[in-house]
């Protein structure tokens, strides 16, 4: 650990989190940002272009890990996931996770 360094954080979609979390914590990781734009497996696979989504089971790994911070960032996209906003609120209401809804901002103007 480096002197004066208070936070080591990572942003992840959570796919490899279960496998990597123990080693990351050993290295000093104490904060995680989860990027999760949908709770629907088929939509998740479409967005990230790979399989592997059971985030609810990953959350059970995060909770006991006692991270100092673990927000869930959700980019809201018209026609894709705007119908899931209340689902995200319901999903995180009893977990020590804060969901943050982020406006989709295309780079092509």
Protein backbone atom coordinates (compact mmCIF):
# COMPACT_ATOMS: atom_id res chain seq x y z
CA UNK A 1 0.00 0.00 0.00
CA UNK A 2 1.16 3.49 -0.79
CA UNK A 3 1.39 6.07 1.95
CA UNK A 4 -1.54 8.51 1.87
CA UNK A 5 -3.60 6.35 -0.49
CA UNK A 6 -7.05 6.01 1.05
CA UNK A 7 -9.11 4.41 -1.70
CA UNK A 8 -8.41 1.81 -4.33
CA UNK A 9 -11.46 1.34 -6.53
CA UNK A 10 -12.48 -0.55 -9.64
CA UNK A 11 -15.40 -0.22 -12.04
CA UNK A 12 -16.77 -3.51 -13.35
CA UNK A 13 -19.79 -5.10 -14.95
CA UNK A 14 -19.37 -7.88 -12.40
CA UNK A 15 -18.83 -10.79 -14.79
CA UNK A 16 -15.48 -11.85 -13.28
CA UNK A 17 -15.99 -10.27 -9.88
CA UNK A 18 -16.67 -13.46 -7.95
CA UNK A 19 -13.42 -14.99 -9.21
CA UNK A 20 -11.25 -11.89 -8.84
CA UNK A 21 -12.58 -10.26 -5.67
CA UNK A 22 -10.45 -12.16 -3.12
CA UNK A 23 -7.19 -11.22 -4.89
CA UNK A 24 -8.33 -7.65 -5.45
CA UNK A 25 -9.12 -7.26 -1.76
CA UNK A 26 -5.69 -8.65 -0.87
CA UNK A 27 -4.19 -5.99 -3.12
CA UNK A 28 -6.03 -3.29 -1.15
CA UNK A 29 -9.26 -2.82 -3.10
CA UNK A 30 -11.82 -1.15 -0.85
CA UNK A 31 -14.38 0.33 -3.27
CA UNK A 32 -16.25 -1.01 -6.28
CA UNK A 33 -18.46 0.67 -8.88
CA UNK A 34 -20.81 -1.76 -10.57
CA UNK A 35 -21.87 -0.87 -14.11
CA UNK A 36 -25.20 -2.57 -14.63
CA UNK A 37 -27.61 -1.24 -17.23
CA UNK A 38 -30.20 -4.01 -17.04
CA UNK A 39 -31.41 -6.80 -14.78
CA UNK A 40 -32.69 -8.83 -17.76
CA UNK A 41 -30.17 -11.51 -18.79
CA UNK A 42 -30.88 -11.28 -22.54
CA UNK A 43 -30.50 -7.49 -22.49
CA UNK A 44 -27.30 -7.77 -20.45
CA UNK A 45 -25.79 -10.14 -22.99
CA UNK A 46 -26.83 -7.79 -25.80
CA UNK A 47 -25.25 -4.76 -24.09
CA UNK A 48 -21.93 -6.33 -23.03
CA UNK A 49 -21.79 -8.84 -25.91
CA UNK A 50 -21.02 -11.79 -23.65
CA UNK A 51 -22.78 -14.23 -21.40
CA UNK A 52 -22.62 -14.11 -17.64
CA UNK A 53 -25.10 -12.07 -15.72
CA UNK A 54 -26.60 -13.40 -12.50
CA UNK A 55 -25.89 -10.13 -10.67
CA UNK A 56 -28.14 -10.96 -7.71
CA UNK A 57 -25.80 -13.77 -6.72
CA UNK A 58 -22.79 -11.49 -7.25
CA UNK A 59 -24.35 -8.96 -4.88
CA UNK A 60 -24.33 -11.57 -2.13
CA UNK A 61 -20.55 -11.80 -2.64
CA UNK A 62 -20.15 -8.03 -2.47
CA UNK A 63 -22.20 -7.47 0.66
CA UNK A 64 -20.04 -9.52 3.05
CA UNK A 65 -16.89 -8.13 1.43
CA UNK A 66 -17.42 -4.89 3.39
CA UNK A 67 -16.38 -2.50 0.66
CA UNK A 68 -16.37 1.12 1.75
CA UNK A 69 -18.38 1.98 -1.34
CA UNK A 70 -20.34 -0.03 -3.88
CA UNK A 71 -22.67 2.06 -6.05
CA UNK A 72 -24.54 0.52 -8.97
CA UNK A 73 -24.37 2.79 -12.03
CA UNK A 74 -27.19 2.34 -14.54
CA UNK A 75 -27.12 4.21 -17.85
CA UNK A 76 -30.76 4.77 -18.82
CA UNK A 77 -31.37 4.20 -22.54
CA UNK A 78 -34.69 4.88 -24.26
CA UNK A 79 -36.11 1.75 -25.83
CA UNK A 80 -33.77 -0.57 -23.94
CA UNK A 81 -34.01 -0.28 -20.17
CA UNK A 82 -36.14 2.73 -19.14
CA UNK A 83 -38.86 0.27 -18.16
CA UNK A 84 -36.55 -1.21 -15.47
CA UNK A 85 -36.02 1.84 -13.25
CA UNK A 86 -38.41 0.68 -10.54
CA UNK A 87 -36.94 -2.83 -10.79
CA UNK A 88 -33.51 -1.39 -9.96
CA UNK A 89 -34.92 0.51 -7.00
CA UNK A 90 -36.67 -2.63 -5.76
CA UNK A 91 -33.56 -4.75 -6.31
CA UNK A 92 -31.30 -2.47 -4.26
CA UNK A 93 -33.72 -1.30 -1.55
CA UNK A 94 -32.73 -4.00 0.97
CA UNK A 95 -29.06 -4.19 -0.01
CA UNK A 96 -26.22 -1.91 1.06
CA UNK A 97 -26.01 -0.67 -2.53
CA UNK A 98 -26.97 2.70 -3.97
CA UNK A 99 -28.28 2.77 -7.52
CA UNK A 100 -27.35 5.83 -9.58
CA UNK A 101 -29.20 6.48 -12.82
CA UNK A 102 -27.00 8.09 -15.44
CA UNK A 103 -28.22 9.83 -18.57
CA UNK A 104 -27.19 8.18 -21.83
CA UNK A 105 -25.00 10.60 -23.76
CA UNK A 106 -24.13 9.45 -27.29
CA UNK A 107 -20.76 10.49 -28.66
CA UNK A 108 -22.10 11.07 -32.15
CA UNK A 109 -24.09 14.15 -31.08
